[in-house]
Amino acid sequence: MIKSGLAGALALVGLSACTPTESAAPAAPAAEAAAPVEVAELPVAEDPVARGQYLVSITGCHDCHTAMTPTGPDMAHALQGGPLPFAPLAEMPWAPIAPSIAGLPEGWTEAEFTAFLSGGPRPSGVPVLPPMPPYAMNDADAKAVTAYIASLPRAE
């Protein structure tokens, strides 16, 4: 009982910190606040390459697999690999160079890459090293990402 009373008191203190002061601008009338918001249409499922490009852009693939310039990813060499612009703070297994995945990783089939993105192992069975996260994409998304990556030119 004491713990829940303390938690309630702390919650009230926290909420009071969120209460606007009297000098705050008045709230907009309800009619103005309820204006409809247009949502950008996502790439359609009929174009797996466009869907894959969208998914790659939001999942952080370029953060490692695209070389960085002072202004951001070098999109002229998208997903062609390179040294990582960051490193772990503690000693750990680490891949300091991201491999090229443009045109699919060397020696991988589309089916193998799709399976990998769906949570499967690499064809060699060797686990990936951080910072590469494990993925568990649904089959449609994994196929779309594979289609996009396969459409890119390989690194020269």
N, C-alpha and C. Protein backbone atom coordinates (compact mmCIF):
# COMPACT_ATOMS: atom_id res chain seq x y z
N MET A 1 0.83 -1.19 0.00
CA MET A 1 0.00 0.00 0.00
C MET A 1 0.87 1.25 0.00
N ILE A 2 1.94 1.24 0.80
CA ILE A 2 2.82 2.40 0.87
C ILE A 2 3.51 2.61 -0.47
N LYS A 3 3.96 1.51 -1.10
CA LYS A 3 4.64 1.63 -2.38
C LYS A 3 3.71 2.22 -3.43
N SER A 4 2.43 1.76 -3.46
CA SER A 4 1.52 2.27 -4.49
C SER A 4 1.18 3.73 -4.21
N GLY A 5 1.09 4.12 -2.93
CA GLY A 5 0.83 5.52 -2.59
C GLY A 5 1.98 6.40 -3.02
N LEU A 6 3.21 5.92 -2.82
CA LEU A 6 4.40 6.66 -3.23
C LEU A 6 4.46 6.77 -4.74
N ALA A 7 4.14 5.68 -5.42
CA ALA A 7 4.14 5.71 -6.89
C ALA A 7 3.11 6.69 -7.40
N GLY A 8 1.94 6.73 -6.77
CA GLY A 8 0.90 7.67 -7.19
C GLY A 8 1.32 9.11 -6.98
N ALA A 9 1.97 9.37 -5.86
CA ALA A 9 2.44 10.73 -5.58
C ALA A 9 3.49 11.15 -6.59
N LEU A 10 4.40 10.23 -6.90
CA LEU A 10 5.43 10.56 -7.89
C LEU A 10 4.81 10.80 -9.26
N ALA A 11 3.80 10.03 -9.60
CA ALA A 11 3.14 10.21 -10.88
C ALA A 11 2.48 11.59 -10.95
N LEU A 12 1.85 12.02 -9.87
CA LEU A 12 1.22 13.34 -9.86
C LEU A 12 2.26 14.45 -9.99
N VAL A 13 3.39 14.28 -9.32
CA VAL A 13 4.46 15.28 -9.43
C VAL A 13 4.95 15.33 -10.87
N GLY A 14 5.12 14.16 -11.48
CA GLY A 14 5.57 14.10 -12.87
C GLY A 14 4.56 14.75 -13.81
N LEU A 15 3.27 14.49 -13.58
CA LEU A 15 2.25 15.09 -14.44
C LEU A 15 2.18 16.60 -14.25
N SER A 16 2.40 17.07 -13.04
CA SER A 16 2.34 18.51 -12.82
C SER A 16 3.47 19.22 -13.57
N ALA A 17 4.57 18.52 -13.77
CA ALA A 17 5.67 19.12 -14.54
C ALA A 17 5.29 19.27 -16.00
N CYS A 18 4.31 18.50 -16.47
CA CYS A 18 3.88 18.56 -17.86
C CYS A 18 2.76 19.57 -18.07
N THR A 19 2.22 20.11 -17.00
CA THR A 19 1.11 21.05 -17.10
C THR A 19 1.62 22.38 -17.62
N PRO A 20 0.97 22.94 -18.67
CA PRO A 20 1.44 24.22 -19.21
C PRO A 20 1.26 25.33 -18.19
N THR A 21 2.15 26.30 -18.23
CA THR A 21 2.03 27.44 -17.34
C THR A 21 1.02 28.41 -17.91
N GLU A 22 0.64 29.39 -17.13
CA GLU A 22 -0.36 30.36 -17.59
C GLU A 22 0.18 31.20 -18.73
N SER A 23 1.51 31.32 -18.87
CA SER A 23 2.08 32.14 -19.93
C SER A 23 2.14 31.38 -21.25
N ALA A 24 1.78 30.12 -21.25
CA ALA A 24 1.83 29.34 -22.48
C ALA A 24 0.76 29.83 -23.43
N ALA A 25 0.99 29.67 -24.72
CA ALA A 25 0.02 30.09 -25.73
C ALA A 25 -1.25 29.27 -25.58
N PRO A 26 -2.41 29.87 -25.84
CA PRO A 26 -3.66 29.12 -25.72
C PRO A 26 -3.70 27.99 -26.75
N ALA A 27 -4.37 26.93 -26.39
CA ALA A 27 -4.51 25.78 -27.28
C ALA A 27 -5.37 26.15 -28.48
N ALA A 28 -5.11 25.52 -29.60
CA ALA A 28 -5.89 25.75 -30.81
C ALA A 28 -7.29 25.20 -30.60
N PRO A 29 -8.29 25.84 -31.20
CA PRO A 29 -9.65 25.31 -31.08
C PRO A 29 -9.70 23.87 -31.61
N ALA A 30 -10.61 23.10 -31.08
CA ALA A 30 -10.72 21.68 -31.43
C ALA A 30 -10.92 21.48 -32.93
N ALA A 31 -11.66 22.38 -33.59
CA ALA A 31 -11.90 22.22 -35.03
C ALA A 31 -10.60 22.32 -35.82
N GLU A 32 -9.70 23.21 -35.42
CA GLU A 32 -8.42 23.35 -36.11
C GLU A 32 -7.51 22.16 -35.84
N ALA A 33 -7.54 21.64 -34.62
CA ALA A 33 -6.66 20.54 -34.25
C ALA A 33 -7.05 19.24 -34.96
N ALA A 34 -8.29 19.13 -35.41
CA ALA A 34 -8.76 17.89 -36.01
C ALA A 34 -8.64 17.89 -37.54
N ALA A 35 -7.82 18.78 -38.08
CA ALA A 35 -7.66 18.83 -39.54
C ALA A 35 -7.09 17.50 -40.04
N PRO A 36 -7.57 17.02 -41.19
CA PRO A 36 -7.07 15.74 -41.70
C PRO A 36 -5.60 15.85 -42.09
N VAL A 37 -4.89 14.79 -41.88
CA VAL A 37 -3.47 14.73 -42.20
C VAL A 37 -3.29 13.76 -43.35
N GLU A 38 -2.62 14.20 -44.42
CA GLU A 38 -2.35 13.31 -45.53
C GLU A 38 -1.14 12.46 -45.21
N VAL A 39 -1.23 11.19 -45.50
CA VAL A 39 -0.13 10.26 -45.27
C VAL A 39 0.45 9.88 -46.62
N ALA A 40 1.77 9.99 -46.74
CA ALA A 40 2.42 9.62 -48.00
C ALA A 40 2.18 8.14 -48.26
N GLU A 41 1.87 7.83 -49.49
CA GLU A 41 1.62 6.44 -49.86
C GLU A 41 2.95 5.69 -49.97
N LEU A 42 3.01 4.52 -49.34
CA LEU A 42 4.22 3.70 -49.39
C LEU A 42 4.32 3.04 -50.76
N PRO A 43 5.53 2.67 -51.16
CA PRO A 43 5.66 1.97 -52.44
C PRO A 43 4.73 0.75 -52.47
N VAL A 44 4.12 0.55 -53.59
CA VAL A 44 3.12 -0.51 -53.69
C VAL A 44 3.76 -1.88 -53.74
N ALA A 45 3.02 -2.86 -53.32
CA ALA A 45 3.54 -4.23 -53.27
C ALA A 45 3.81 -4.77 -54.67
N GLU A 46 3.20 -4.19 -55.70
CA GLU A 46 3.41 -4.67 -57.06
C GLU A 46 4.82 -4.38 -57.57
N ASP A 47 5.55 -3.47 -56.91
CA ASP A 47 6.91 -3.13 -57.33
C ASP A 47 7.87 -3.51 -56.20
N PRO A 48 8.34 -4.76 -56.19
CA PRO A 48 9.19 -5.19 -55.09
C PRO A 48 10.51 -4.42 -55.00
N VAL A 49 11.07 -3.96 -56.11
CA VAL A 49 12.32 -3.20 -56.06
C VAL A 49 12.09 -1.88 -55.33
N ALA A 50 11.00 -1.17 -55.63
CA ALA A 50 10.69 0.09 -54.94
C ALA A 50 10.42 -0.17 -53.46
N ARG A 51 9.70 -1.23 -53.16
CA ARG A 51 9.42 -1.58 -51.76
C ARG A 51 10.75 -1.90 -51.05
N GLY A 52 11.61 -2.66 -51.70
CA GLY A 52 12.90 -3.00 -51.11
C GLY A 52 13.75 -1.78 -50.88
N GLN A 53 13.75 -0.84 -51.82
CA GLN A 53 14.52 0.40 -51.66
C GLN A 53 14.01 1.17 -50.44
N TYR A 54 12.70 1.24 -50.30
CA TYR A 54 12.11 1.91 -49.14
C TYR A 54 12.54 1.22 -47.84
N LEU A 55 12.45 -0.10 -47.80
CA LEU A 55 12.82 -0.83 -46.58
C LEU A 55 14.29 -0.66 -46.25
N VAL A 56 15.16 -0.71 -47.26
CA VAL A 56 16.59 -0.51 -47.03
C VAL A 56 16.84 0.90 -46.47
N SER A 57 16.09 1.88 -46.95
CA SER A 57 16.31 3.26 -46.50
C SER A 57 15.89 3.47 -45.05
N ILE A 58 14.95 2.68 -44.54
CA ILE A 58 14.49 2.89 -43.16
C ILE A 58 15.10 1.92 -42.16
N THR A 59 15.79 0.87 -42.64
CA THR A 59 16.33 -0.11 -41.70
C THR A 59 17.80 0.11 -41.37
N GLY A 60 18.43 1.11 -41.94
CA GLY A 60 19.80 1.45 -41.57
C GLY A 60 20.88 0.72 -42.35
N CYS A 61 20.55 0.06 -43.44
CA CYS A 61 21.56 -0.67 -44.22
C CYS A 61 22.69 0.25 -44.68
N HIS A 62 22.32 1.47 -45.08
CA HIS A 62 23.33 2.41 -45.58
C HIS A 62 24.30 2.86 -44.49
N ASP A 63 23.89 2.78 -43.23
CA ASP A 63 24.76 3.23 -42.14
C ASP A 63 26.08 2.47 -42.11
N CYS A 64 26.07 1.23 -42.55
CA CYS A 64 27.30 0.42 -42.54
C CYS A 64 27.76 0.03 -43.94
N HIS A 65 26.82 -0.36 -44.79
CA HIS A 65 27.18 -0.93 -46.09
C HIS A 65 27.41 0.10 -47.19
N THR A 66 27.23 1.39 -46.88
CA THR A 66 27.51 2.46 -47.84
C THR A 66 28.57 3.37 -47.21
N ALA A 67 29.65 3.61 -47.95
CA ALA A 67 30.72 4.48 -47.43
C ALA A 67 30.16 5.85 -47.08
N MET A 68 30.70 6.44 -46.03
CA MET A 68 30.23 7.74 -45.56
C MET A 68 31.14 8.86 -46.08
N THR A 69 30.50 9.98 -46.39
CA THR A 69 31.20 11.21 -46.73
C THR A 69 30.92 12.19 -45.59
N PRO A 70 31.53 13.35 -45.59
CA PRO A 70 31.23 14.32 -44.53
C PRO A 70 29.76 14.75 -44.49
N THR A 71 29.05 14.55 -45.60
CA THR A 71 27.64 14.96 -45.64
C THR A 71 26.67 13.79 -45.56
N GLY A 72 27.18 12.57 -45.39
CA GLY A 72 26.28 11.41 -45.29
C GLY A 72 26.72 10.29 -46.21
N PRO A 73 25.82 9.31 -46.42
CA PRO A 73 26.18 8.15 -47.25
C PRO A 73 26.51 8.54 -48.69
N ASP A 74 27.50 7.89 -49.27
CA ASP A 74 27.90 8.10 -50.66
C ASP A 74 26.97 7.25 -51.54
N MET A 75 25.84 7.81 -51.89
CA MET A 75 24.81 7.05 -52.59
C MET A 75 25.22 6.69 -54.02
N ALA A 76 26.28 7.29 -54.55
CA ALA A 76 26.79 6.88 -55.86
C ALA A 76 27.40 5.48 -55.77
N HIS A 77 27.72 5.05 -54.54
CA HIS A 77 28.28 3.72 -54.30
C HIS A 77 27.44 2.99 -53.25
N ALA A 78 26.13 3.09 -53.40
CA ALA A 78 25.20 2.54 -52.42
C ALA A 78 25.43 1.06 -52.18
N LEU A 79 25.54 0.72 -50.91
CA LEU A 79 25.64 -0.66 -50.42
C LEU A 79 26.86 -1.42 -50.96
N GLN A 80 27.90 -0.67 -51.35
CA GLN A 80 29.11 -1.30 -51.87
C GLN A 80 30.16 -1.51 -50.80
N GLY A 81 29.80 -1.39 -49.54
CA GLY A 81 30.68 -1.71 -48.44
C GLY A 81 31.73 -0.66 -48.16
N GLY A 82 32.49 -0.90 -47.09
CA GLY A 82 33.56 0.00 -46.72
C GLY A 82 33.81 -0.03 -45.23
N PRO A 83 34.84 0.70 -44.78
CA PRO A 83 35.14 0.74 -43.34
C PRO A 83 33.99 1.39 -42.57
N LEU A 84 33.74 0.87 -41.40
CA LEU A 84 32.67 1.44 -40.57
C LEU A 84 33.13 2.75 -39.95
N PRO A 85 32.26 3.74 -39.88
CA PRO A 85 32.64 5.04 -39.30
C PRO A 85 32.53 5.07 -37.78
N PHE A 86 32.38 3.91 -37.16
CA PHE A 86 32.26 3.83 -35.71
C PHE A 86 32.86 2.49 -35.26
N ALA A 87 33.08 2.37 -33.95
CA ALA A 87 33.65 1.15 -33.39
C ALA A 87 33.07 0.95 -31.99
N PRO A 88 33.15 -0.27 -31.49
CA PRO A 88 32.63 -0.51 -30.13
C PRO A 88 33.52 0.16 -29.09
N LEU A 89 32.93 0.48 -27.95
CA LEU A 89 33.68 1.10 -26.86
C LEU A 89 34.40 0.05 -26.02
N ALA A 90 33.92 -1.18 -26.07
CA ALA A 90 34.55 -2.28 -25.33
C ALA A 90 35.00 -3.34 -26.32
N GLU A 91 36.00 -4.11 -25.93
CA GLU A 91 36.49 -5.17 -26.81
C GLU A 91 35.41 -6.22 -26.99
N MET A 92 35.18 -6.59 -28.24
CA MET A 92 34.16 -7.59 -28.57
C MET A 92 34.39 -8.05 -29.99
N PRO A 93 33.80 -9.19 -30.38
CA PRO A 93 33.89 -9.57 -31.79
C PRO A 93 33.26 -8.44 -32.63
N TRP A 94 33.89 -8.08 -33.73
CA TRP A 94 33.45 -6.90 -34.47
C TRP A 94 33.89 -7.01 -35.92
N ALA A 95 33.06 -6.57 -36.81
CA ALA A 95 33.40 -6.51 -38.23
C ALA A 95 33.72 -5.05 -38.57
N PRO A 96 34.99 -4.65 -38.64
CA PRO A 96 35.32 -3.25 -38.87
C PRO A 96 35.08 -2.78 -40.30
N ILE A 97 34.89 -3.72 -41.21
CA ILE A 97 34.61 -3.37 -42.61
C ILE A 97 33.32 -4.07 -43.03
N ALA A 98 32.37 -3.28 -43.48
CA ALA A 98 31.11 -3.86 -43.95
C ALA A 98 31.29 -4.37 -45.38
N PRO A 99 30.85 -5.58 -45.65
CA PRO A 99 31.01 -6.10 -47.01
C PRO A 99 30.04 -5.44 -47.98
N SER A 100 30.39 -5.49 -49.24
CA SER A 100 29.48 -5.02 -50.28
C SER A 100 28.31 -5.99 -50.36
N ILE A 101 27.12 -5.45 -50.39
CA ILE A 101 25.94 -6.30 -50.61
C ILE A 101 25.22 -5.90 -51.90
N ALA A 102 25.72 -4.86 -52.58
CA ALA A 102 25.12 -4.43 -53.85
C ALA A 102 25.25 -5.56 -54.87
N GLY A 103 24.17 -5.87 -55.55
CA GLY A 103 24.17 -6.96 -56.51
C GLY A 103 24.12 -8.32 -55.83
N LEU A 104 23.91 -8.37 -54.56
CA LEU A 104 23.91 -9.52 -53.64
C LEU A 104 25.34 -9.82 -53.19
N PRO A 105 25.48 -10.30 -51.97
CA PRO A 105 26.83 -10.66 -51.50
C PRO A 105 27.44 -11.72 -52.42
N GLU A 106 28.73 -11.63 -52.60
CA GLU A 106 29.45 -12.55 -53.49
C GLU A 106 29.15 -14.00 -53.12
N GLY A 107 28.71 -14.78 -54.11
CA GLY A 107 28.46 -16.20 -53.91
C GLY A 107 27.11 -16.56 -53.33
N TRP A 108 26.26 -15.58 -53.07
CA TRP A 108 24.93 -15.85 -52.51
C TRP A 108 23.90 -15.87 -53.63
N THR A 109 22.89 -16.71 -53.47
CA THR A 109 21.74 -16.70 -54.38
C THR A 109 20.67 -15.79 -53.78
N GLU A 110 19.70 -15.44 -54.60
CA GLU A 110 18.59 -14.63 -54.09
C GLU A 110 17.85 -15.39 -52.99
N ALA A 111 17.67 -16.69 -53.16
CA ALA A 111 16.97 -17.49 -52.14
C ALA A 111 17.75 -17.50 -50.82
N GLU A 112 19.07 -17.60 -50.89
CA GLU A 112 19.88 -17.60 -49.67
C GLU A 112 19.83 -16.26 -48.97
N PHE A 113 19.87 -15.17 -49.74
CA PHE A 113 19.82 -13.84 -49.13
C PHE A 113 18.45 -13.59 -48.52
N THR A 114 17.39 -14.00 -49.21
CA THR A 114 16.04 -13.85 -48.67
C THR A 114 15.90 -14.64 -47.37
N ALA A 115 16.41 -15.87 -47.35
CA ALA A 115 16.35 -16.69 -46.13
C ALA A 115 17.13 -16.04 -44.99
N PHE A 116 18.30 -15.47 -45.30
CA PHE A 116 19.11 -14.78 -44.30
C PHE A 116 18.35 -13.62 -43.68
N LEU A 117 17.69 -12.81 -44.52
CA LEU A 117 16.92 -11.66 -44.01
C LEU A 117 15.70 -12.10 -43.21
N SER A 118 15.26 -13.32 -43.44
CA SER A 118 14.11 -13.86 -42.72
C SER A 118 14.52 -14.55 -41.42
N GLY A 119 15.79 -14.44 -41.06
CA GLY A 119 16.25 -15.01 -39.80
C GLY A 119 17.12 -16.25 -39.96
N GLY A 120 17.39 -16.63 -41.19
CA GLY A 120 18.20 -17.82 -41.42
C GLY A 120 19.69 -17.53 -41.34
N PRO A 121 20.50 -18.58 -41.41
CA PRO A 121 21.95 -18.41 -41.33
C PRO A 121 22.53 -17.97 -42.66
N ARG A 122 23.79 -17.55 -42.63
CA ARG A 122 24.51 -17.31 -43.88
C ARG A 122 24.71 -18.66 -44.57
N PRO A 123 24.91 -18.68 -45.87
CA PRO A 123 25.12 -19.96 -46.56
C PRO A 123 26.28 -20.77 -45.96
N SER A 124 27.30 -20.08 -45.45
CA SER A 124 28.45 -20.77 -44.86
C SER A 124 28.14 -21.32 -43.47
N GLY A 125 27.06 -20.84 -42.86
CA GLY A 125 26.72 -21.24 -41.50
C GLY A 125 27.43 -20.41 -40.44
N VAL A 126 28.40 -19.60 -40.84
CA VAL A 126 29.14 -18.77 -39.89
C VAL A 126 28.25 -17.59 -39.48
N PRO A 127 28.11 -17.34 -38.17
CA PRO A 127 27.27 -16.22 -37.74
C PRO A 127 27.88 -14.88 -38.17
N VAL A 128 27.03 -13.90 -38.38
CA VAL A 128 27.52 -12.56 -38.70
C VAL A 128 28.05 -11.92 -37.42
N LEU A 129 28.95 -10.97 -37.59
CA LEU A 129 29.52 -10.26 -36.45
C LEU A 129 28.80 -8.93 -36.26
N PRO A 130 28.75 -8.45 -35.01
CA PRO A 130 28.24 -7.11 -34.80
C PRO A 130 29.10 -6.13 -35.60
N PRO A 131 28.52 -5.07 -36.04
CA PRO A 131 27.24 -4.52 -35.65
C PRO A 131 26.05 -5.02 -36.46
N MET A 132 26.23 -6.01 -37.33
CA MET A 132 25.12 -6.53 -38.13
C MET A 132 24.10 -7.18 -37.20
N PRO A 133 22.88 -6.65 -37.21
CA PRO A 133 21.86 -7.23 -36.33
C PRO A 133 21.22 -8.46 -36.99
N PRO A 134 20.64 -9.33 -36.19
CA PRO A 134 19.87 -10.43 -36.78
C PRO A 134 18.55 -9.85 -37.31
N TYR A 135 18.12 -10.33 -38.43
CA TYR A 135 16.85 -9.87 -38.99
C TYR A 135 15.85 -11.01 -38.96
N ALA A 136 14.58 -10.66 -38.91
CA ALA A 136 13.50 -11.63 -38.99
C ALA A 136 12.37 -11.00 -39.80
N MET A 137 12.72 -10.59 -41.03
CA MET A 137 11.72 -9.98 -41.90
C MET A 137 10.70 -11.02 -42.35
N ASN A 138 9.50 -10.55 -42.63
CA ASN A 138 8.54 -11.47 -43.22
C ASN A 138 8.99 -11.77 -44.65
N ASP A 139 8.44 -12.81 -45.23
CA ASP A 139 8.90 -13.28 -46.53
C ASP A 139 8.76 -12.22 -47.62
N ALA A 140 7.65 -11.49 -47.63
CA ALA A 140 7.42 -10.48 -48.66
C ALA A 140 8.46 -9.36 -48.56
N ASP A 141 8.74 -8.89 -47.35
CA ASP A 141 9.73 -7.82 -47.17
C ASP A 141 11.13 -8.31 -47.51
N ALA A 142 11.47 -9.52 -47.09
CA ALA A 142 12.80 -10.07 -47.39
C ALA A 142 12.98 -10.22 -48.91
N LYS A 143 11.95 -10.65 -49.61
CA LYS A 143 12.04 -10.77 -51.07
C LYS A 143 12.16 -9.41 -51.73
N ALA A 144 11.47 -8.40 -51.19
CA ALA A 144 11.55 -7.05 -51.75
C ALA A 144 12.95 -6.46 -51.54
N VAL A 145 13.51 -6.63 -50.35
CA VAL A 145 14.87 -6.13 -50.09
C VAL A 145 15.87 -6.85 -50.99
N THR A 146 15.70 -8.15 -51.14
CA THR A 146 16.58 -8.92 -52.02
C THR A 146 16.47 -8.42 -53.46
N ALA A 147 15.26 -8.15 -53.93
CA ALA A 147 15.06 -7.66 -55.30
C ALA A 147 15.77 -6.32 -55.49
N TYR A 148 15.65 -5.43 -54.51
CA TYR A 148 16.31 -4.12 -54.62
C TYR A 148 17.83 -4.28 -54.63
N ILE A 149 18.35 -5.02 -53.66
CA ILE A 149 19.81 -5.17 -53.55
C ILE A 149 20.37 -5.87 -54.79
N ALA A 150 19.65 -6.86 -55.31
CA ALA A 150 20.10 -7.56 -56.52
C ALA A 150 20.11 -6.63 -57.72
N SER A 151 19.29 -5.57 -57.70
CA SER A 151 19.22 -4.65 -58.84
C SER A 151 20.37 -3.64 -58.87
N LEU A 152 21.11 -3.54 -57.79
CA LEU A 152 22.20 -2.56 -57.70
C LEU A 152 23.47 -3.08 -58.37
N PRO A 153 24.27 -2.17 -58.91
CA PRO A 153 25.55 -2.61 -59.51
C PRO A 153 26.52 -3.05 -58.42
N ARG A 154 27.25 -4.11 -58.72
CA ARG A 154 28.27 -4.61 -57.79
C ARG A 154 29.43 -3.62 -57.70
N ALA A 155 30.14 -3.66 -56.59
CA ALA A 155 31.34 -2.83 -56.43
C ALA A 155 32.38 -3.28 -57.43
N GLU A 156 33.14 -2.34 -57.95
CA GLU A 156 34.18 -2.70 -58.92
C GLU A 156 35.52 -2.87 -58.26
